[in-house]
Amino acid sequence: MAAVTIRNLSDAAHRALKLRAAQHNRSAEAEMRAILEAAVRPEGRLLLGTALREIGRKYDITKADIEAIEQVRDKRPAEPLKFD
């Protein structure tokens, strides 16, 4: 895991960070990690599992539907594409 050092942070920003961390019941270091994660990995990104779950709900796919598909699907390994 990477380590980051932040130099020349103003006293006011440091106090505000400590206050924000206390409000979220975490250390200043944990608060900085949360702030950085939120900044570089926004919540609005597409999560595959979530997208698949939403498709299942939209079309009312049940476990019985999945089992029926499993019974009839071709279980042989796919043949690789040939680019001759």
C-alpha atoms as a PDB file:
ATOM      1  CA  MET A   1       0.000   0.000   0.000  1.00  0.00           C
ATOM      2  CA  ALA A   2       1.283   3.470  -0.846  1.00  0.00           C
ATOM      3  CA  ALA A   3       2.143   6.134   1.722  1.00  0.00           C
ATOM      4  CA  VAL A   4       1.647   9.855   1.110  1.00  0.00           C
ATOM      5  CA  THR A   5       3.158  12.803   2.958  1.00  0.00           C
ATOM      6  CA  ILE A   6       1.406  16.158   2.843  1.00  0.00           C
ATOM      7  CA  ARG A   7       3.718  19.074   3.509  1.00  0.00           C
ATOM      8  CA  ASN A   8       2.936  22.722   4.229  1.00  0.00           C
ATOM      9  CA  LEU A   9      -0.692  22.139   5.251  1.00  0.00           C
ATOM     10  CA  SER A  10      -1.938  25.281   6.945  1.00  0.00           C
ATOM     11  CA  ASP A  11      -2.793  25.154  10.633  1.00  0.00           C
ATOM     12  CA  ALA A  12      -6.364  26.142   9.807  1.00  0.00           C
ATOM     13  CA  ALA A  13      -6.754  23.294   7.312  1.00  0.00           C
ATOM     14  CA  HIS A  14      -5.231  20.856   9.807  1.00  0.00           C
ATOM     15  CA  ARG A  15      -7.645  21.963  12.548  1.00  0.00           C
ATOM     16  CA  ALA A  16     -10.593  21.706  10.130  1.00  0.00           C
ATOM     17  CA  LEU A  17      -9.456  18.211   9.123  1.00  0.00           C
ATOM     18  CA  LYS A  18      -9.234  17.105  12.759  1.00  0.00           C
ATOM     19  CA  LEU A  19     -12.701  18.540  13.454  1.00  0.00           C
ATOM     20  CA  ARG A  20     -14.163  16.795  10.408  1.00  0.00           C
ATOM     21  CA  ALA A  21     -12.512  13.528  11.463  1.00  0.00           C
ATOM     22  CA  ALA A  22     -13.984  13.840  14.958  1.00  0.00           C
ATOM     23  CA  GLN A  23     -17.443  14.451  13.466  1.00  0.00           C
ATOM     24  CA  HIS A  24     -17.097  11.192  11.512  1.00  0.00           C
ATOM     25  CA  ASN A  25     -15.665   9.287  14.512  1.00  0.00           C
ATOM     26  CA  ARG A  26     -12.351   8.516  12.851  1.00  0.00           C
ATOM     27  CA  SER A  27      -8.724   9.560  13.016  1.00  0.00           C
ATOM     28  CA  ALA A  28      -7.351  12.430  10.946  1.00  0.00           C
ATOM     29  CA  GLU A  29      -5.450   9.878   8.848  1.00  0.00           C
ATOM     30  CA  ALA A  30      -8.614   7.835   8.225  1.00  0.00           C
ATOM     31  CA  GLU A  31     -10.458  11.047   7.320  1.00  0.00           C
ATOM     32  CA  MET A  32      -7.772  11.961   4.779  1.00  0.00           C
ATOM     33  CA  ARG A  33      -8.041   8.489   3.230  1.00  0.00           C
ATOM     34  CA  ALA A  34     -11.824   8.850   2.977  1.00  0.00           C
ATOM     35  CA  ILE A  35     -11.533  12.298   1.381  1.00  0.00           C
ATOM     36  CA  LEU A  36      -8.982  11.091  -1.172  1.00  0.00           C
ATOM     37  CA  GLU A  37     -10.972   7.927  -2.000  1.00  0.00           C
ATOM     38  CA  ALA A  38     -14.141   9.985  -2.540  1.00  0.00           C
ATOM     39  CA  ALA A  39     -12.260  12.413  -4.764  1.00  0.00           C
ATOM     40  CA  VAL A  40     -10.684   9.834  -7.052  1.00  0.00           C
ATOM     41  CA  ARG A  41     -13.300   7.070  -6.936  1.00  0.00           C
ATOM     42  CA  PRO A  42     -16.711   8.735  -7.133  1.00  0.00           C
ATOM     43  CA  GLU A  43     -19.857   6.864  -6.119  1.00  0.00           C
ATOM     44  CA  GLY A  44     -21.426   7.310  -9.546  1.00  0.00           C
ATOM     45  CA  ARG A  45     -19.130   4.780 -11.214  1.00  0.00           C
ATOM     46  CA  LEU A  46     -20.687   1.686 -12.731  1.00  0.00           C
ATOM     47  CA  LEU A  47     -20.467  -1.383 -10.524  1.00  0.00           C
ATOM     48  CA  LEU A  48     -21.004  -4.566 -12.530  1.00  0.00           C
ATOM     49  CA  GLY A  49     -22.719  -6.495  -9.740  1.00  0.00           C
ATOM     50  CA  THR A  50     -25.093  -3.638  -9.072  1.00  0.00           C
ATOM     51  CA  ALA A  51     -25.892  -3.276 -12.779  1.00  0.00           C
ATOM     52  CA  LEU A  52     -26.634  -7.000 -13.100  1.00  0.00           C
ATOM     53  CA  ARG A  53     -28.840  -6.943 -10.002  1.00  0.00           C
ATOM     54  CA  GLU A  54     -30.812  -4.009 -11.417  1.00  0.00           C
ATOM     55  CA  ILE A  55     -31.312  -5.827 -14.741  1.00  0.00           C
ATOM     56  CA  GLY A  56     -32.586  -8.859 -12.850  1.00  0.00           C
ATOM     57  CA  ARG A  57     -35.039  -6.717 -10.900  1.00  0.00           C
ATOM     58  CA  LYS A  58     -36.180  -4.819 -13.978  1.00  0.00           C
ATOM     59  CA  TYR A  59     -37.072  -8.011 -15.846  1.00  0.00           C
ATOM     60  CA  ASP A  60     -38.203  -9.896 -12.726  1.00  0.00           C
ATOM     61  CA  ILE A  61     -35.660 -12.701 -13.199  1.00  0.00           C
ATOM     62  CA  THR A  62     -35.995 -15.350 -10.496  1.00  0.00           C
ATOM     63  CA  LYS A  63     -33.702 -18.085  -9.283  1.00  0.00           C
ATOM     64  CA  ALA A  64     -35.927 -20.564 -11.144  1.00  0.00           C
ATOM     65  CA  ASP A  65     -35.241 -18.641 -14.369  1.00  0.00           C
ATOM     66  CA  ILE A  66     -31.492 -18.884 -13.786  1.00  0.00           C
ATOM     67  CA  GLU A  67     -31.746 -22.614 -13.058  1.00  0.00           C
ATOM     68  CA  ALA A  68     -33.734 -23.152 -16.280  1.00  0.00           C
ATOM     69  CA  ILE A  69     -31.067 -21.331 -18.290  1.00  0.00           C
ATOM     70  CA  GLU A  70     -28.327 -23.407 -16.641  1.00  0.00           C
ATOM     71  CA  GLN A  71     -30.090 -26.636 -17.661  1.00  0.00           C
ATOM     72  CA  VAL A  72     -30.253 -25.778 -21.364  1.00  0.00           C
ATOM     73  CA  ARG A  73     -27.075 -23.778 -21.943  1.00  0.00           C
ATOM     74  CA  ASP A  74     -24.173 -25.279 -23.857  1.00  0.00           C
ATOM     75  CA  LYS A  75     -21.497 -26.076 -21.269  1.00  0.00           C
ATOM     76  CA  ARG A  76     -18.740 -26.905 -23.764  1.00  0.00           C
ATOM     77  CA  PRO A  77     -15.770 -24.546 -23.736  1.00  0.00           C
ATOM     78  CA  ALA A  78     -15.973 -21.857 -26.391  1.00  0.00           C
ATOM     79  CA  GLU A  79     -13.816 -22.296 -29.473  1.00  0.00           C
ATOM     80  CA  PRO A  80     -11.256 -19.524 -29.857  1.00  0.00           C
ATOM     81  CA  LEU A  81     -11.743 -17.124 -32.748  1.00  0.00           C
ATOM     82  CA  LYS A  82      -9.581 -17.664 -35.827  1.00  0.00           C
ATOM     83  CA  PHE A  83      -8.269 -14.679 -37.722  1.00  0.00           C
ATOM     84  CA  ASP A  84      -6.992 -16.420 -40.850  1.00  0.00           C
END
